[in-house]
Amino acid sequence: MRLEQLQAFLAITQTGSFQQAAKKCGVTQSTISRQIQALEADLGVELFHRTTHAKLTLGGERILPRVRKICQEWELAQQELTDLIGGKQPELCIAAIHSVCASYLPPVLQKFCHDYPHVQLRVTSLGSDRSLKVLKDGLVDLAIVMHNRFLITGKEMVVKTLYDESIEVLTAANHPLAKLETIPWTELILYPQVVFKDGYGMQRLIQDCFDKLEAKLQAALEVNTLDAFRGVVRQGELIALLPHSALIEARNDPTLAVRSLAHNSNLIDNPNLTRRVVMVTTQDRLQIPPIQHFWQLVIENIFNPELLE
């Protein structure tokens, strides 16, 4: 059973004859006849009385409502795809790590809403692992995350590196480490830390560094928002290792201090401790105008080649 056979059947019921149905479908009358004969053979029942006027048989009457629904659904599907390719996407869903949402993304969101006022923009702040998971599950259209070569795989994935940034130390203003301009790792490992929850790229990065240094990470508390990091560290005892973009507000807070980390040659592949932020989507999504436009806005407003090694 083929769609054109159902369309031929429906055209005959609408026009009342095989000849008029052929004109409606833009084919010859013999083609219409062959399509109906094939459909009848598949169904095992005649659909029309072969008289002057194409009158439905009992079997034809029975399947007519079903055929209408099938053809209507197909027309709707075609229209939805046409709208999608034409940029008439009802919504655009973005997942991004907290620091990007808080610092770099707002101007991009404003410009996109101006350029595509009829597209509902939905932005969710998530950890890198979760953001990539919902992207692969088709729940979002694009993700901005910390690079992870194990998660960003597959020929369908498109990855754009945006920038590299340093990891710095956040302490209370009166913490002993705040007295230093640059904090050596020998001092850093002595203090308990507040860290991201498991499943966050930053948590994995910091833990890997401590493992390479054969040092114990004293993870005293796990949180998952930048406000929580600042609030906990402000109390004076715990410190935190956070990316540069996550510390913008902390730099203007007199109760907090931000210090750089010393170079450590034992961290062979990342001695200055940085992280890479990337934008990810899929090949098919990048063909859709609103997604393509958002992608380009991010490149224009966030991509910084000067920060890349």
Protein backbone atom coordinates (compact mmCIF):
# COMPACT_ATOMS: atom_id res chain seq x y z
CA MET A 1 0.00 0.00 0.00
CA ARG A 2 1.42 3.36 -1.07
CA LEU A 3 0.47 6.93 -0.27
CA GLU A 4 -0.28 7.84 -3.88
CA GLN A 5 -2.80 4.99 -4.01
CA LEU A 6 -4.64 6.41 -1.02
CA GLN A 7 -4.49 9.89 -2.56
CA ALA A 8 -5.94 8.51 -5.80
CA PHE A 9 -8.73 6.80 -3.86
CA LEU A 10 -9.54 10.04 -2.05
CA ALA A 11 -9.44 12.08 -5.27
CA ILE A 12 -12.00 9.75 -6.90
CA THR A 13 -14.38 10.10 -3.95
CA GLN A 14 -14.01 13.89 -4.12
CA THR A 15 -14.47 14.28 -7.88
CA GLY A 16 -16.84 11.38 -8.57
CA SER A 17 -14.89 9.93 -11.49
CA PHE A 18 -11.57 8.35 -12.43
CA GLN A 19 -11.11 10.91 -15.22
CA GLN A 20 -11.53 13.94 -12.96
CA ALA A 21 -9.38 12.32 -10.28
CA ALA A 22 -6.57 11.92 -12.81
CA LYS A 23 -6.76 15.65 -13.63
CA LYS A 24 -6.75 16.52 -9.94
CA CYS A 25 -3.68 14.35 -9.30
CA GLY A 26 -1.88 15.43 -12.47
CA VAL A 27 -1.59 11.90 -13.89
CA THR A 28 -3.26 9.86 -16.61
CA GLN A 29 -6.54 8.04 -16.10
CA SER A 30 -4.79 4.72 -16.68
CA THR A 31 -2.38 5.54 -13.83
CA ILE A 32 -5.29 6.21 -11.50
CA SER A 33 -6.89 2.93 -12.53
CA ARG A 34 -3.67 0.98 -11.86
CA GLN A 35 -3.26 2.62 -8.45
CA ILE A 36 -6.81 1.67 -7.43
CA GLN A 37 -6.42 -1.86 -8.76
CA ALA A 38 -3.20 -2.28 -6.74
CA LEU A 39 -4.88 -0.89 -3.63
CA GLU A 40 -7.82 -3.23 -4.05
CA ALA A 41 -5.43 -6.16 -4.50
CA ASP A 42 -3.63 -5.23 -1.26
CA LEU A 43 -6.89 -4.90 0.68
CA GLY A 44 -8.58 -7.89 -0.93
CA VAL A 45 -11.81 -5.98 -1.62
CA GLU A 46 -13.25 -3.82 -4.40
CA LEU A 47 -13.56 -0.14 -3.46
CA PHE A 48 -15.71 1.20 -6.30
CA HIS A 49 -18.65 -0.02 -8.38
CA ARG A 50 -17.47 0.24 -11.99
CA THR A 51 -20.39 2.34 -13.30
CA THR A 52 -20.73 5.70 -15.02
CA HIS A 53 -20.12 7.38 -11.70
CA ALA A 54 -17.47 6.02 -9.36
CA LYS A 55 -19.62 4.90 -6.47
CA LEU A 56 -18.08 3.47 -3.34
CA THR A 57 -18.68 -0.11 -2.39
CA LEU A 58 -19.38 -1.04 1.21
CA GLY A 59 -15.66 -1.70 1.68
CA GLY A 60 -14.81 1.66 0.15
CA GLU A 61 -17.22 3.46 2.46
CA ARG A 62 -15.73 1.67 5.46
CA ILE A 63 -12.14 2.76 4.78
CA LEU A 64 -12.93 6.29 3.51
CA PRO A 65 -12.71 7.99 6.97
CA ARG A 66 -9.40 6.23 7.64
CA VAL A 67 -7.95 7.27 4.30
CA ARG A 68 -8.99 10.87 4.93
CA LYS A 69 -7.16 10.85 8.27
CA ILE A 70 -4.02 9.31 6.77
CA CYS A 71 -3.89 11.88 3.96
CA GLN A 72 -4.62 14.76 6.34
CA GLU A 73 -1.85 13.63 8.69
CA TRP A 74 0.55 13.41 5.77
CA GLU A 75 -0.35 16.94 4.65
CA LEU A 76 0.19 18.22 8.19
CA ALA A 77 3.55 16.46 8.37
CA GLN A 78 4.61 18.02 5.07
CA GLN A 79 3.53 21.46 6.27
CA GLU A 80 5.40 21.09 9.55
CA LEU A 81 8.58 20.14 7.71
CA THR A 82 8.14 23.05 5.31
CA ASP A 83 7.71 25.42 8.26
CA LEU A 84 10.73 23.93 10.01
CA ILE A 85 13.00 24.35 6.99
CA GLY A 86 11.58 27.83 6.45
CA GLY A 87 12.49 28.94 9.97
CA LYS A 88 8.96 28.78 11.43
CA GLN A 89 10.15 26.83 14.45
CA PRO A 90 7.80 27.33 17.44
CA GLU A 91 10.60 27.20 20.04
CA LEU A 92 14.35 26.96 20.46
CA CYS A 93 15.71 25.08 23.48
CA ILE A 94 19.20 25.76 24.81
CA ALA A 95 21.15 24.07 27.62
CA ALA A 96 24.24 25.80 28.98
CA ILE A 97 26.58 25.63 31.94
CA HIS A 98 25.91 28.05 34.79
CA SER A 99 28.83 30.42 34.18
CA VAL A 100 27.89 30.95 30.52
CA CYS A 101 24.23 31.58 31.43
CA ALA A 102 25.27 34.13 34.05
CA SER A 103 27.97 35.99 32.12
CA TYR A 104 28.19 35.62 28.35
CA LEU A 105 24.76 34.46 27.19
CA PRO A 106 22.37 37.36 28.08
CA PRO A 107 23.36 39.63 25.13
CA VAL A 108 22.98 36.69 22.73
CA LEU A 109 19.52 35.90 24.09
CA GLN A 110 18.41 39.49 23.70
CA LYS A 111 19.60 39.70 20.09
CA PHE A 112 17.99 36.39 19.18
CA CYS A 113 14.63 37.43 20.65
CA HIS A 114 14.82 40.63 18.62
CA ASP A 115 15.64 38.77 15.39
CA TYR A 116 13.14 35.90 15.93
CA PRO A 117 10.29 37.37 18.01
CA HIS A 118 7.93 34.52 17.11
CA VAL A 119 10.26 31.77 18.35
CA GLN A 120 9.87 30.89 22.03
CA LEU A 121 13.40 30.76 23.48
CA ARG A 122 13.88 28.33 26.37
CA VAL A 123 17.20 28.29 28.24
CA THR A 124 18.09 25.77 30.93
CA SER A 125 21.15 26.04 33.16
CA LEU A 126 22.67 22.58 33.60
CA GLY A 127 26.00 20.87 34.15
CA SER A 128 27.97 19.80 31.09
CA ASP A 129 27.16 16.10 31.31
CA ARG A 130 23.44 16.69 31.74
CA SER A 131 23.38 19.31 28.96
CA LEU A 132 24.94 16.87 26.50
CA LYS A 133 22.58 14.12 27.61
CA VAL A 134 19.45 16.17 26.90
CA LEU A 135 20.94 17.26 23.57
CA LYS A 136 21.51 13.65 22.51
CA ASP A 137 18.01 12.77 23.71
CA GLY A 138 16.56 15.49 21.48
CA LEU A 139 15.20 17.58 24.38
CA VAL A 140 17.27 20.65 23.45
CA ASP A 141 18.57 22.00 20.16
CA LEU A 142 21.98 23.26 21.24
CA ALA A 143 24.29 23.02 24.25
CA ILE A 144 27.16 25.17 25.52
CA VAL A 145 29.31 23.05 27.78
CA MET A 146 32.75 22.24 29.09
CA HIS A 147 34.58 20.13 26.53
CA ASN A 148 34.56 16.39 27.10
CA ARG A 149 35.95 14.30 24.26
CA PHE A 150 34.23 11.20 25.59
CA LEU A 151 30.76 12.73 25.43
CA ILE A 152 31.11 14.76 22.22
CA THR A 153 31.38 11.86 19.79
CA GLY A 154 29.49 10.70 16.74
CA LYS A 155 29.51 11.85 13.13
CA GLU A 156 26.24 13.72 13.63
CA MET A 157 27.73 16.04 16.28
CA VAL A 158 28.98 19.54 15.39
CA VAL A 159 31.38 21.09 17.91
CA LYS A 160 32.65 24.69 17.97
CA THR A 161 35.35 25.68 20.46
CA LEU A 162 34.47 29.05 22.01
CA TYR A 163 37.26 29.84 24.47
CA ASP A 164 39.69 28.54 27.07
CA GLU A 165 39.69 30.06 30.53
CA SER A 166 41.77 29.76 33.66
CA ILE A 167 40.64 28.08 36.86
CA GLU A 168 41.07 30.33 39.89
CA VAL A 169 40.71 30.12 43.65
CA LEU A 170 37.77 31.67 45.48
CA THR A 171 38.22 32.36 49.20
CA ALA A 172 36.77 34.55 51.88
CA ALA A 173 38.51 37.93 52.15
CA ASN A 174 39.91 36.98 55.56
CA HIS A 175 41.06 33.47 54.57
CA PRO A 176 44.81 32.74 54.95
CA LEU A 177 45.15 32.06 51.22
CA ALA A 178 43.76 35.51 50.40
CA LYS A 179 47.05 36.99 51.61
CA LEU A 180 48.83 35.41 48.62
CA GLU A 181 48.78 36.85 45.10
CA THR A 182 49.33 33.44 43.52
CA ILE A 183 48.48 30.25 45.38
CA PRO A 184 50.85 27.27 45.11
CA TRP A 185 49.34 23.80 44.96
CA THR A 186 51.25 22.81 48.08
CA GLU A 187 49.16 25.33 50.00
CA LEU A 188 45.90 24.73 48.13
CA ILE A 189 45.67 21.02 48.95
CA LEU A 190 45.75 21.75 52.68
CA TYR A 191 42.28 23.32 52.75
CA PRO A 192 38.78 21.76 52.47
CA GLN A 193 36.79 22.73 49.42
CA VAL A 194 33.24 23.27 48.25
CA VAL A 195 32.87 21.53 44.88
CA PHE A 196 30.34 20.94 42.13
CA LYS A 197 28.16 17.86 42.42
CA ASP A 198 29.07 14.67 40.62
CA GLY A 199 28.19 14.85 36.92
CA TYR A 200 29.60 18.35 36.44
CA GLY A 201 32.62 18.82 34.20
CA MET A 202 34.34 21.07 36.76
CA GLN A 203 34.04 18.43 39.46
CA ARG A 204 35.70 15.90 37.17
CA LEU A 205 38.46 18.33 36.13
CA ILE A 206 39.41 19.20 39.70
CA GLN A 207 39.32 15.59 40.85
CA ASP A 208 41.56 14.56 37.94
CA CYS A 209 44.10 17.23 38.89
CA PHE A 210 44.27 16.04 42.48
CA ASP A 211 44.60 12.45 41.31
CA LYS A 212 47.55 13.36 39.07
CA LEU A 213 49.21 15.16 41.97
CA GLU A 214 48.49 12.14 44.18
CA ALA A 215 46.81 14.47 46.65
CA LYS A 216 43.50 14.08 48.47
CA LEU A 217 40.72 16.45 47.49
CA GLN A 218 39.03 17.45 50.73
CA ALA A 219 35.51 17.87 49.30
CA ALA A 220 33.62 19.10 52.34
CA LEU A 221 30.46 20.22 50.54
CA GLU A 222 28.80 19.80 47.12
CA VAL A 223 26.63 22.51 45.54
CA ASN A 224 25.52 23.30 41.99
CA THR A 225 24.91 27.06 41.75
CA LEU A 226 27.31 30.00 41.69
CA ASP A 227 25.29 31.80 44.39
CA ALA A 228 25.75 28.78 46.64
CA PHE A 229 29.52 28.77 46.06
CA ARG A 230 29.81 32.43 47.01
CA GLY A 231 27.54 32.05 50.02
CA VAL A 232 29.42 29.06 51.44
CA VAL A 233 32.92 30.43 50.78
CA ARG A 234 31.95 33.76 52.32
CA GLN A 235 31.61 32.00 55.69
CA GLY A 236 35.40 31.81 55.83
CA GLU A 237 36.49 28.17 56.10
CA LEU A 238 36.01 26.55 52.68
CA ILE A 239 37.62 27.48 49.37
CA ALA A 240 36.57 26.71 45.80
CA LEU A 241 38.23 26.21 42.43
CA LEU A 242 36.09 27.89 39.76
CA PRO A 243 36.50 29.08 36.16
CA HIS A 244 37.24 32.73 35.46
CA SER A 245 33.77 33.44 34.02
CA ALA A 246 32.09 32.15 37.18
CA LEU A 247 33.92 34.67 39.36
CA ILE A 248 32.79 37.97 37.82
CA GLU A 249 30.46 38.87 40.69
CA ALA A 250 32.92 37.59 43.30
CA ARG A 251 35.55 40.08 42.13
CA ASN A 252 33.25 42.94 43.07
CA ASP A 253 32.37 41.48 46.49
CA PRO A 254 34.55 42.89 49.32
CA THR A 255 33.85 39.81 51.46
CA LEU A 256 35.45 37.51 48.88
CA ALA A 257 38.85 37.17 47.25
CA VAL A 258 39.87 35.67 43.90
CA ARG A 259 43.42 34.45 43.45
CA SER A 260 45.28 32.79 40.59
CA LEU A 261 46.84 29.35 40.78
CA ALA A 262 50.56 28.74 40.41
CA HIS A 263 51.89 26.86 37.39
CA ASN A 264 52.36 23.17 38.16
CA SER A 265 54.59 21.17 35.81
CA ASN A 266 53.28 17.91 37.28
CA LEU A 267 50.02 18.60 35.46
CA ILE A 268 51.71 17.82 32.16
CA ASP A 269 48.77 18.32 29.81
CA ASN A 270 47.32 21.33 31.67
CA PRO A 271 50.00 22.97 33.90
CA ASN A 272 48.13 26.27 34.22
CA LEU A 273 44.79 24.54 34.85
CA THR A 274 42.32 25.80 32.27
CA ARG A 275 39.06 24.50 30.87
CA ARG A 276 37.69 24.64 27.34
CA VAL A 277 34.12 25.72 26.62
CA VAL A 278 32.44 24.48 23.44
CA MET A 279 29.12 24.79 21.65
CA VAL A 280 27.50 21.58 20.42
CA THR A 281 24.57 20.65 18.20
CA THR A 282 23.83 18.09 15.49
CA GLN A 283 24.27 18.31 11.72
CA ASP A 284 20.54 18.21 11.01
CA ARG A 285 19.67 20.89 13.57
CA LEU A 286 22.28 23.26 12.21
CA GLN A 287 20.34 23.37 8.91
CA ILE A 288 17.33 24.96 10.64
CA PRO A 289 17.40 28.79 10.31
CA PRO A 290 16.68 29.79 13.96
CA ILE A 291 19.25 27.31 15.31
CA GLN A 292 21.76 28.37 12.68
CA HIS A 293 21.16 32.02 13.60
CA PHE A 294 21.62 31.38 17.33
CA TRP A 295 24.81 29.44 16.56
CA GLN A 296 26.16 32.41 14.60
CA LEU A 297 25.21 34.91 17.32
CA VAL A 298 27.16 32.87 19.87
CA ILE A 299 30.21 32.83 17.59
CA GLU A 300 29.96 36.60 17.06
CA ASN A 301 29.48 37.44 20.74
CA ILE A 302 31.23 34.71 22.73
CA PHE A 303 33.84 33.04 20.51
CA ASN A 304 37.27 34.42 21.44
CA PRO A 305 40.19 33.05 19.39
CA GLU A 306 42.66 35.11 21.45
CA LEU A 307 41.93 32.96 24.50
CA LEU A 308 42.53 29.71 22.64
CA GLU A 309 45.93 28.11 22.67
